Amino acid sequence: MTTDFVRDYFARALAADRLAHAYLLWGPAPEERDRAARDIAAAFVCPEGPARGMAPCGACRACSAVARGASPAFIELSADRDTIDIDAVRELIATLAIAYEARRVVFAPRIERLTLPAAHAFLKTIEEPGGATLYLFTTGNIGSLLPTIVSRCHRLPLYAAEAHPPPPDNPDLERLLADPARRDELDSETLADYAPGEDRRDRLRVLCAHLIAHAERRAAALCGEAPAAPTIFDALDLRGVLHVTERILAAAADIDANIHPDLLLECLLIDLRRGAA
């Protein structure tokens, strides 16, 4: 999802008192991803942050303390180190053991930097959250993390809008994807007819672009940002849409890897059918 969508997602969840305790923002553009995630984390402790769409005001006492690295409400884990070792996690655990009445956030960019001992110690911290503490992590490689850490977090794909521009015009494919009743027609042979071309990788790129657009359309409708429009993802709630988006983005990222595009497509279709069931 785009940065604006993710900001709005957090603002709505906070306003409705439905924030989970841990979130993992993942995406391929580390600078934009981590900058957006840090802003969201800072906005969590800024009095004006939620009203500003999860953007810190930058002028209040809380924001000034965050900027100086002197805020007890904003804990950034090993920001300038190549690894996050067990000592850093122990220091975090000791800090969190100190009673704190207001909201606070633990921000851990590039959480794949955790060493294995640190990851196991960190897992216990996530499993036993205390008070109004939000854990916000980022990564560019979910597969490098302990599965148990990933499973404790709500995952949000985050990418720059320009990374996935509007898909090329393809009325036939659009009619297929805009008809919820035709979800079971999603198979590789049918899609080959709707996304024509000699190069299988190019066809898969076209399909992923259209699927991402439909997932965004469904997410926007669920968040009340746009009128509902028919899509094969109509049966999904927001969490389901986010999961499906994650799988589409993963497939799109692997298109140029040394993986046969037909295998990528079949795996993607299995994920889509499971997600939309």
C-alpha atoms as a PDB file:
ATOM      1  CA  MET A   1       0.000   0.000   0.000  1.00  0.00           C
ATOM      2  CA  THR A   2       1.124   3.574  -0.564  1.00  0.00           C
ATOM      3  CA  THR A   3       2.514   5.738   2.222  1.00  0.00           C
ATOM      4  CA  ASP A   4      -0.677   7.827   2.336  1.00  0.00           C
ATOM      5  CA  PHE A   5      -2.825   4.710   2.710  1.00  0.00           C
ATOM      6  CA  VAL A   6      -0.673   3.332   5.540  1.00  0.00           C
ATOM      7  CA  ARG A   7      -0.749   6.671   7.385  1.00  0.00           C
ATOM      8  CA  ASP A   8      -4.534   6.760   7.071  1.00  0.00           C
ATOM      9  CA  TYR A   9      -4.762   3.122   8.196  1.00  0.00           C
ATOM     10  CA  PHE A  10      -2.930   3.949  11.444  1.00  0.00           C
ATOM     11  CA  ALA A  11      -4.911   7.159  12.012  1.00  0.00           C
ATOM     12  CA  ARG A  12      -8.218   5.305  11.659  1.00  0.00           C
ATOM     13  CA  ALA A  13      -7.111   2.397  13.835  1.00  0.00           C
ATOM     14  CA  LEU A  14      -5.907   4.754  16.572  1.00  0.00           C
ATOM     15  CA  ALA A  15      -9.098   6.834  16.455  1.00  0.00           C
ATOM     16  CA  ALA A  16     -11.195   3.680  16.766  1.00  0.00           C
ATOM     17  CA  ASP A  17      -8.951   2.309  19.544  1.00  0.00           C
ATOM     18  CA  ARG A  18      -8.227  -0.744  17.381  1.00  0.00           C
ATOM     19  CA  LEU A  19      -4.464  -0.593  17.063  1.00  0.00           C
ATOM     20  CA  ALA A  20      -2.669  -3.903  17.377  1.00  0.00           C
ATOM     21  CA  HIS A  21       0.406  -3.944  19.600  1.00  0.00           C
ATOM     22  CA  ALA A  22       2.935  -4.757  16.852  1.00  0.00           C
ATOM     23  CA  TYR A  23       3.214  -3.865  13.161  1.00  0.00           C
ATOM     24  CA  LEU A  24       5.722  -4.867  10.522  1.00  0.00           C
ATOM     25  CA  LEU A  25       5.985  -2.519   7.541  1.00  0.00           C
ATOM     26  CA  TRP A  26       7.809  -4.118   4.671  1.00  0.00           C
ATOM     27  CA  GLY A  27       8.778  -2.944   1.232  1.00  0.00           C
ATOM     28  CA  PRO A  28      11.658  -2.693  -1.207  1.00  0.00           C
ATOM     29  CA  ALA A  29      12.460   1.033  -0.886  1.00  0.00           C
ATOM     30  CA  PRO A  30      14.277   1.315   2.470  1.00  0.00           C
ATOM     31  CA  GLU A  31      14.681   5.080   2.654  1.00  0.00           C
ATOM     32  CA  GLU A  32      11.054   5.961   1.974  1.00  0.00           C
ATOM     33  CA  ARG A  33       9.756   2.971   3.937  1.00  0.00           C
ATOM     34  CA  ASP A  34      11.791   3.750   7.047  1.00  0.00           C
ATOM     35  CA  ARG A  35      11.137   7.500   6.834  1.00  0.00           C
ATOM     36  CA  ALA A  36       7.383   6.941   6.619  1.00  0.00           C
ATOM     37  CA  ALA A  37       7.462   4.394   9.434  1.00  0.00           C
ATOM     38  CA  ARG A  38       9.496   6.720  11.661  1.00  0.00           C
ATOM     39  CA  ASP A  39       7.019   9.548  11.038  1.00  0.00           C
ATOM     40  CA  ILE A  40       4.133   7.276  11.979  1.00  0.00           C
ATOM     41  CA  ALA A  41       5.961   6.179  15.124  1.00  0.00           C
ATOM     42  CA  ALA A  42       6.701   9.803  16.068  1.00  0.00           C
ATOM     43  CA  ALA A  43       3.099  10.792  15.363  1.00  0.00           C
ATOM     44  CA  PHE A  44       1.955   8.144  17.844  1.00  0.00           C
ATOM     45  CA  VAL A  45       3.492  10.180  20.683  1.00  0.00           C
ATOM     46  CA  CYS A  46       2.790  13.634  19.206  1.00  0.00           C
ATOM     47  CA  PRO A  47      -0.441  15.196  20.595  1.00  0.00           C
ATOM     48  CA  GLU A  48      -1.271  16.520  17.123  1.00  0.00           C
ATOM     49  CA  GLY A  49      -0.073  13.467  15.198  1.00  0.00           C
ATOM     50  CA  PRO A  50      -3.329  11.516  14.804  1.00  0.00           C
ATOM     51  CA  ALA A  51      -5.277  14.617  13.751  1.00  0.00           C
ATOM     52  CA  ARG A  52      -2.609  15.349  11.148  1.00  0.00           C
ATOM     53  CA  GLY A  53      -3.032  11.928   9.519  1.00  0.00           C
ATOM     54  CA  MET A  54      -0.244  10.289  11.514  1.00  0.00           C
ATOM     55  CA  ALA A  55       2.291  12.984  10.698  1.00  0.00           C
ATOM     56  CA  PRO A  56       4.149  14.567  13.637  1.00  0.00           C
ATOM     57  CA  CYS A  57       3.784  18.325  13.998  1.00  0.00           C
ATOM     58  CA  GLY A  58       7.521  18.753  14.553  1.00  0.00           C
ATOM     59  CA  ALA A  59       7.009  21.748  16.844  1.00  0.00           C
ATOM     60  CA  CYS A  60       5.602  20.480  20.129  1.00  0.00           C
ATOM     61  CA  ARG A  61       7.581  19.430  23.182  1.00  0.00           C
ATOM     62  CA  ALA A  62       7.112  15.740  22.375  1.00  0.00           C
ATOM     63  CA  CYS A  63       8.377  16.152  18.811  1.00  0.00           C
ATOM     64  CA  SER A  64      11.353  18.204  19.981  1.00  0.00           C
ATOM     65  CA  ALA A  65      12.289  15.463  22.447  1.00  0.00           C
ATOM     66  CA  VAL A  66      12.030  12.828  19.699  1.00  0.00           C
ATOM     67  CA  ALA A  67      14.253  14.930  17.424  1.00  0.00           C
ATOM     68  CA  ARG A  68      16.881  15.212  20.178  1.00  0.00           C
ATOM     69  CA  GLY A  69      16.716  11.498  20.947  1.00  0.00           C
ATOM     70  CA  ALA A  70      15.611  12.396  24.470  1.00  0.00           C
ATOM     71  CA  SER A  71      12.002  11.191  24.489  1.00  0.00           C
ATOM     72  CA  PRO A  72      11.077   8.441  26.980  1.00  0.00           C
ATOM     73  CA  ALA A  73       8.033   7.788  24.780  1.00  0.00           C
ATOM     74  CA  PHE A  74      10.014   7.129  21.587  1.00  0.00           C
ATOM     75  CA  ILE A  75      12.512   4.281  21.762  1.00  0.00           C
ATOM     76  CA  GLU A  76      14.497   3.667  18.580  1.00  0.00           C
ATOM     77  CA  LEU A  77      16.377   0.401  18.559  1.00  0.00           C
ATOM     78  CA  SER A  78      20.011   0.542  17.384  1.00  0.00           C
ATOM     79  CA  ALA A  79      19.373   3.025  14.616  1.00  0.00           C
ATOM     80  CA  ASP A  80      23.021   3.482  13.622  1.00  0.00           C
ATOM     81  CA  ARG A  81      24.317  -0.066  13.970  1.00  0.00           C
ATOM     82  CA  ASP A  82      24.735  -2.770  11.373  1.00  0.00           C
ATOM     83  CA  THR A  83      23.290  -5.361  13.767  1.00  0.00           C
ATOM     84  CA  ILE A  84      20.935  -5.382  16.735  1.00  0.00           C
ATOM     85  CA  ASP A  85      22.631  -7.550  19.331  1.00  0.00           C
ATOM     86  CA  ILE A  86      21.442  -9.159  22.539  1.00  0.00           C
ATOM     87  CA  ASP A  87      22.785  -6.277  24.660  1.00  0.00           C
ATOM     88  CA  ALA A  88      20.624  -3.778  22.779  1.00  0.00           C
ATOM     89  CA  VAL A  89      17.546  -5.933  23.357  1.00  0.00           C
ATOM     90  CA  ARG A  90      18.366  -6.346  27.048  1.00  0.00           C
ATOM     91  CA  GLU A  91      18.685  -2.571  27.344  1.00  0.00           C
ATOM     92  CA  LEU A  92      15.280  -2.230  25.665  1.00  0.00           C
ATOM     93  CA  ILE A  93      13.711  -4.743  28.052  1.00  0.00           C
ATOM     94  CA  ALA A  94      15.118  -2.831  31.043  1.00  0.00           C
ATOM     95  CA  THR A  95      13.737   0.440  29.659  1.00  0.00           C
ATOM     96  CA  LEU A  96      10.302  -1.037  29.100  1.00  0.00           C
ATOM     97  CA  ALA A  97      10.263  -2.379  32.658  1.00  0.00           C
ATOM     98  CA  ILE A  98      10.124   1.222  33.930  1.00  0.00           C
ATOM     99  CA  ALA A  99       6.517   2.220  34.477  1.00  0.00           C
ATOM    100  CA  TYR A 100       5.250   4.764  31.970  1.00  0.00           C
ATOM    101  CA  GLU A 101       1.723   6.142  32.023  1.00  0.00           C
ATOM    102  CA  ALA A 102       1.413   7.676  28.545  1.00  0.00           C
ATOM    103  CA  ARG A 103       1.653   6.145  25.083  1.00  0.00           C
ATOM    104  CA  ARG A 104       5.087   5.082  23.901  1.00  0.00           C
ATOM    105  CA  VAL A 105       6.484   3.435  20.829  1.00  0.00           C
ATOM    106  CA  VAL A 106       9.364   1.074  20.109  1.00  0.00           C
ATOM    107  CA  PHE A 107      10.637   1.754  16.604  1.00  0.00           C
ATOM    108  CA  ALA A 108      12.982  -0.829  15.092  1.00  0.00           C
ATOM    109  CA  PRO A 109      13.926  -0.081  11.478  1.00  0.00           C
ATOM    110  CA  ARG A 110      15.447  -2.900   9.440  1.00  0.00           C
ATOM    111  CA  ILE A 111      14.566  -5.493  12.017  1.00  0.00           C
ATOM    112  CA  GLU A 112      16.379  -8.129   9.958  1.00  0.00           C
ATOM    113  CA  ARG A 113      19.509  -6.764  11.693  1.00  0.00           C
ATOM    114  CA  LEU A 114      18.591  -8.769  14.809  1.00  0.00           C
ATOM    115  CA  THR A 115      21.152 -11.434  15.640  1.00  0.00           C
ATOM    116  CA  LEU A 116      19.626 -14.816  16.401  1.00  0.00           C
ATOM    117  CA  PRO A 117      20.034 -14.554  20.211  1.00  0.00           C
ATOM    118  CA  ALA A 118      18.638 -11.010  20.078  1.00  0.00           C
ATOM    119  CA  ALA A 119      15.700 -12.166  17.966  1.00  0.00           C
ATOM    120  CA  HIS A 120      14.732 -14.821  20.502  1.00  0.00           C
ATOM    121  CA  ALA A 121      14.952 -12.330  23.373  1.00  0.00           C
ATOM    122  CA  PHE A 122      13.012  -9.763  21.363  1.00  0.00           C
ATOM    123  CA  LEU A 123      10.271 -12.284  20.640  1.00  0.00           C
ATOM    124  CA  LYS A 124       9.488 -12.605  24.339  1.00  0.00           C
ATOM    125  CA  THR A 125       9.125  -8.818  24.558  1.00  0.00           C
ATOM    126  CA  ILE A 126       6.611  -8.802  21.709  1.00  0.00           C
ATOM    127  CA  GLU A 127       4.702 -11.739  23.167  1.00  0.00           C
ATOM    128  CA  GLU A 128       4.224  -9.939  26.482  1.00  0.00           C
ATOM    129  CA  PRO A 129       3.473  -6.305  25.603  1.00  0.00           C
ATOM    130  CA  GLY A 130       2.825  -3.979  28.446  1.00  0.00           C
ATOM    131  CA  GLY A 131       0.680  -0.868  28.703  1.00  0.00           C
ATOM    132  CA  ALA A 132       0.065   1.424  25.772  1.00  0.00           C
ATOM    133  CA  THR A 133       3.251   0.467  23.929  1.00  0.00           C
ATOM    134  CA  LEU A 134       3.253   0.229  20.146  1.00  0.00           C
ATOM    135  CA  TYR A 135       5.924  -1.820  18.387  1.00  0.00           C
ATOM    136  CA  LEU A 136       6.654  -0.667  14.856  1.00  0.00           C
ATOM    137  CA  PHE A 137       9.213  -2.496  12.722  1.00  0.00           C
ATOM    138  CA  THR A 138      10.369  -2.317   9.128  1.00  0.00           C
ATOM    139  CA  THR A 139      12.098  -4.785   6.844  1.00  0.00           C
ATOM    140  CA  GLY A 140      12.889  -5.352   3.215  1.00  0.00           C
ATOM    141  CA  ASN A 141      13.054  -9.121   3.617  1.00  0.00           C
ATOM    142  CA  ILE A 142      10.348 -10.877   5.614  1.00  0.00           C
ATOM    143  CA  GLY A 143      11.934 -14.241   4.826  1.00  0.00           C
ATOM    144  CA  SER A 144      15.027 -13.321   6.855  1.00  0.00           C
ATOM    145  CA  LEU A 145      13.026 -12.905  10.081  1.00  0.00           C
ATOM    146  CA  LEU A 146      12.065 -15.496  12.646  1.00  0.00           C
ATOM    147  CA  PRO A 147       8.639 -16.777  11.586  1.00  0.00           C
ATOM    148  CA  THR A 148       7.482 -16.414  15.184  1.00  0.00           C
ATOM    149  CA  ILE A 149       8.284 -12.686  15.128  1.00  0.00           C
ATOM    150  CA  VAL A 150       6.453 -12.242  11.828  1.00  0.00           C
ATOM    151  CA  SER A 151       3.428 -14.114  13.165  1.00  0.00           C
ATOM    152  CA  ARG A 152       3.159 -11.763  16.164  1.00  0.00           C
ATOM    153  CA  CYS A 153       2.910  -8.686  13.940  1.00  0.00           C
ATOM    154  CA  HIS A 154       0.283  -7.208  11.675  1.00  0.00           C
ATOM    155  CA  ARG A 155       2.036  -6.943   8.327  1.00  0.00           C
ATOM    156  CA  LEU A 156       1.562  -3.927   6.082  1.00  0.00           C
ATOM    157  CA  PRO A 157       3.147  -3.776   2.622  1.00  0.00           C
ATOM    158  CA  LEU A 158       4.471  -0.299   1.980  1.00  0.00           C
ATOM    159  CA  TYR A 159       5.698   1.014  -1.349  1.00  0.00           C
ATOM    160  CA  ALA A 160       6.113   4.276  -3.186  1.00  0.00           C
ATOM    161  CA  ALA A 161       3.173   5.122  -5.458  1.00  0.00           C
ATOM    162  CA  GLU A 162       5.531   5.491  -8.423  1.00  0.00           C
ATOM    163  CA  ALA A 163       6.821   1.951  -7.866  1.00  0.00           C
ATOM    164  CA  HIS A 164       3.474   0.570  -9.044  1.00  0.00           C
ATOM    165  CA  PRO A 165       1.924   3.035 -11.508  1.00  0.00           C
ATOM    166  CA  PRO A 166      -1.566   2.509 -12.950  1.00  0.00           C
ATOM    167  CA  PRO A 167      -1.691  -0.642 -15.064  1.00  0.00           C
ATOM    168  CA  PRO A 168      -1.744  -0.512 -18.866  1.00  0.00           C
ATOM    169  CA  ASP A 169      -5.138  -0.354 -20.516  1.00  0.00           C
ATOM    170  CA  ASN A 170      -6.594  -3.852 -20.817  1.00  0.00           C
ATOM    171  CA  PRO A 171     -10.427  -3.817 -20.920  1.00  0.00           C
ATOM    172  CA  ASP A 172     -10.782  -7.597 -21.193  1.00  0.00           C
ATOM    173  CA  LEU A 173      -8.646  -8.276 -18.140  1.00  0.00           C
ATOM    174  CA  GLU A 174     -10.414  -5.490 -16.244  1.00  0.00           C
ATOM    175  CA  ARG A 175     -13.815  -7.040 -16.947  1.00  0.00           C
ATOM    176  CA  LEU A 176     -12.583 -10.363 -15.600  1.00  0.00           C
ATOM    177  CA  LEU A 177     -11.086  -8.883 -12.416  1.00  0.00           C
ATOM    178  CA  ALA A 178     -14.097  -6.621 -11.803  1.00  0.00           C
ATOM    179  CA  ASP A 179     -16.517  -9.562 -11.650  1.00  0.00           C
ATOM    180  CA  PRO A 180     -16.505 -11.266  -8.213  1.00  0.00           C
ATOM    181  CA  ALA A 181     -18.452 -14.211  -9.657  1.00  0.00           C
ATOM    182  CA  ARG A 182     -15.553 -15.050 -11.981  1.00  0.00           C
ATOM    183  CA  ARG A 183     -12.952 -15.506  -9.243  1.00  0.00           C
ATOM    184  CA  ASP A 184     -12.846 -19.261  -9.846  1.00  0.00           C
ATOM    185  CA  GLU A 185     -11.863 -18.627 -13.467  1.00  0.00           C
ATOM    186  CA  LEU A 186      -8.453 -17.433 -12.330  1.00  0.00           C
ATOM    187  CA  ASP A 187      -6.106 -19.980 -13.803  1.00  0.00           C
ATOM    188  CA  SER A 188      -2.941 -19.636 -15.813  1.00  0.00           C
ATOM    189  CA  GLU A 189      -4.483 -20.542 -19.166  1.00  0.00           C
ATOM    190  CA  THR A 190      -7.363 -18.084 -18.846  1.00  0.00           C
ATOM    191  CA  LEU A 191      -5.097 -15.298 -17.704  1.00  0.00           C
ATOM    192  CA  ALA A 192      -2.734 -15.950 -20.593  1.00  0.00           C
ATOM    193  CA  ASP A 193      -5.648 -15.080 -22.882  1.00  0.00           C
ATOM    194  CA  TYR A 194      -6.402 -11.882 -20.964  1.00  0.00           C
ATOM    195  CA  ALA A 195      -2.782 -10.754 -20.604  1.00  0.00           C
ATOM    196  CA  PRO A 196      -1.440 -11.549 -24.063  1.00  0.00           C
ATOM    197  CA  GLY A 197       2.177 -11.358 -25.105  1.00  0.00           C
ATOM    198  CA  GLU A 198       5.064 -13.557 -26.054  1.00  0.00           C
ATOM    199  CA  ASP A 199       7.115 -12.980 -22.916  1.00  0.00           C
ATOM    200  CA  ARG A 200       5.710 -14.769 -19.883  1.00  0.00           C
ATOM    201  CA  ARG A 201       7.404 -12.350 -17.506  1.00  0.00           C
ATOM    202  CA  ASP A 202       5.813  -9.370 -19.243  1.00  0.00           C
ATOM    203  CA  ARG A 203       2.396 -11.025 -18.995  1.00  0.00           C
ATOM    204  CA  LEU A 204       2.937 -11.590 -15.293  1.00  0.00           C
ATOM    205  CA  ARG A 205       3.916  -7.932 -14.827  1.00  0.00           C
ATOM    206  CA  VAL A 206       0.670  -6.857 -16.487  1.00  0.00           C
ATOM    207  CA  LEU A 207      -1.360  -9.193 -14.306  1.00  0.00           C
ATOM    208  CA  CYS A 208       0.338  -8.057 -11.083  1.00  0.00           C
ATOM    209  CA  ALA A 209      -0.216  -4.395 -11.976  1.00  0.00           C
ATOM    210  CA  HIS A 210      -3.942  -4.981 -12.458  1.00  0.00           C
ATOM    211  CA  LEU A 211      -4.239  -7.103  -9.317  1.00  0.00           C
ATOM    212  CA  ILE A 212      -2.500  -4.447  -7.214  1.00  0.00           C
ATOM    213  CA  ALA A 213      -4.902  -1.825  -8.571  1.00  0.00           C
ATOM    214  CA  HIS A 214      -7.900  -3.987  -7.626  1.00  0.00           C
ATOM    215  CA  ALA A 215      -6.524  -4.693  -4.150  1.00  0.00           C
ATOM    216  CA  GLU A 216      -6.042  -0.943  -3.616  1.00  0.00           C
ATOM    217  CA  ARG A 217      -9.581  -0.328  -4.843  1.00  0.00           C
ATOM    218  CA  ARG A 218     -11.010  -2.811  -2.343  1.00  0.00           C
ATOM    219  CA  ALA A 219      -8.886  -1.415   0.517  1.00  0.00           C
ATOM    220  CA  ALA A 220      -9.978   2.146  -0.268  1.00  0.00           C
ATOM    221  CA  ALA A 221     -13.632   1.077  -0.242  1.00  0.00           C
ATOM    222  CA  LEU A 222     -13.222  -0.709   3.100  1.00  0.00           C
ATOM    223  CA  CYS A 223     -11.641   2.415   4.597  1.00  0.00           C
ATOM    224  CA  GLY A 224     -14.389   4.642   3.230  1.00  0.00           C
ATOM    225  CA  GLU A 225     -11.971   6.537   0.997  1.00  0.00           C
ATOM    226  CA  ALA A 226     -13.710   5.626  -2.256  1.00  0.00           C
ATOM    227  CA  PRO A 227     -17.063   4.218  -3.366  1.00  0.00           C
ATOM    228  CA  ALA A 228     -17.193   0.451  -3.489  1.00  0.00           C
ATOM    229  CA  ALA A 229     -16.481  -0.898  -6.965  1.00  0.00           C
ATOM    230  CA  PRO A 230     -16.849  -4.532  -7.995  1.00  0.00           C
ATOM    231  CA  THR A 231     -13.673  -6.604  -7.822  1.00  0.00           C
ATOM    232  CA  ILE A 232     -12.704 -10.229  -7.354  1.00  0.00           C
ATOM    233  CA  PHE A 233     -11.586  -9.214  -3.847  1.00  0.00           C
ATOM    234  CA  ASP A 234     -15.101  -8.238  -2.706  1.00  0.00           C
ATOM    235  CA  ALA A 235     -15.239 -11.120  -0.205  1.00  0.00           C
ATOM    236  CA  LEU A 236     -12.137  -9.915   1.649  1.00  0.00           C
ATOM    237  CA  ASP A 237     -11.977  -7.795   4.769  1.00  0.00           C
ATOM    238  CA  LEU A 238      -9.128  -5.307   5.191  1.00  0.00           C
ATOM    239  CA  ARG A 239      -6.763  -7.817   6.722  1.00  0.00           C
ATOM    240  CA  GLY A 240      -7.437 -10.216   3.875  1.00  0.00           C
ATOM    241  CA  VAL A 241      -6.796  -7.492   1.304  1.00  0.00           C
ATOM    242  CA  LEU A 242      -3.488  -6.634   2.954  1.00  0.00           C
ATOM    243  CA  HIS A 243      -2.465 -10.297   2.925  1.00  0.00           C
ATOM    244  CA  VAL A 244      -3.352 -10.689  -0.741  1.00  0.00           C
ATOM    245  CA  THR A 245      -1.497  -7.464  -1.578  1.00  0.00           C
ATOM    246  CA  GLU A 246       1.556  -8.840   0.192  1.00  0.00           C
ATOM    247  CA  ARG A 247       1.478 -11.963  -1.960  1.00  0.00           C
ATOM    248  CA  ILE A 248       1.031  -9.976  -5.193  1.00  0.00           C
ATOM    249  CA  LEU A 249       3.930  -7.667  -4.338  1.00  0.00           C
ATOM    250  CA  ALA A 250       6.111 -10.645  -3.480  1.00  0.00           C
ATOM    251  CA  ALA A 251       5.347 -12.210  -6.859  1.00  0.00           C
ATOM    252  CA  ALA A 252       6.021  -8.911  -8.651  1.00  0.00           C
ATOM    253  CA  ALA A 253       9.364  -8.588  -6.874  1.00  0.00           C
ATOM    254  CA  ASP A 254      10.366 -12.097  -7.985  1.00  0.00           C
ATOM    255  CA  ILE A 255       9.543 -11.649 -11.662  1.00  0.00           C
ATOM    256  CA  ASP A 256      13.128 -10.841 -12.594  1.00  0.00           C
ATOM    257  CA  ALA A 257      14.611 -13.413 -10.226  1.00  0.00           C
ATOM    258  CA  ASN A 258      15.792 -16.803 -11.378  1.00  0.00           C
ATOM    259  CA  ILE A 259      12.332 -18.329 -10.921  1.00  0.00           C
ATOM    260  CA  HIS A 260      10.231 -19.663 -13.775  1.00  0.00           C
ATOM    261  CA  PRO A 261       7.356 -17.204 -14.365  1.00  0.00           C
ATOM    262  CA  ASP A 262       4.837 -20.037 -14.800  1.00  0.00           C
ATOM    263  CA  LEU A 263       5.717 -21.307 -11.318  1.00  0.00           C
ATOM    264  CA  LEU A 264       5.382 -17.790  -9.914  1.00  0.00           C
ATOM    265  CA  LEU A 265       1.974 -17.422 -11.524  1.00  0.00           C
ATOM    266  CA  GLU A 266       0.681 -20.763 -10.238  1.00  0.00           C
ATOM    267  CA  CYS A 267       1.846 -19.977  -6.690  1.00  0.00           C
ATOM    268  CA  LEU A 268       0.263 -16.525  -6.899  1.00  0.00           C
ATOM    269  CA  LEU A 269      -3.049 -17.945  -8.108  1.00  0.00           C
ATOM    270  CA  ILE A 270      -3.077 -20.457  -5.245  1.00  0.00           C
ATOM    271  CA  ASP A 271      -2.532 -17.594  -2.783  1.00  0.00           C
ATOM    272  CA  LEU A 272      -5.294 -15.540  -4.392  1.00  0.00           C
ATOM    273  CA  ARG A 273      -7.794 -18.384  -4.317  1.00  0.00           C
ATOM    274  CA  ARG A 274      -7.017 -19.095  -0.678  1.00  0.00           C
ATOM    275  CA  GLY A 275      -7.193 -15.436   0.263  1.00  0.00           C
ATOM    276  CA  ALA A 276     -10.495 -14.844  -1.489  1.00  0.00           C
ATOM    277  CA  ALA A 277     -12.150 -18.038  -0.338  1.00  0.00           C
END
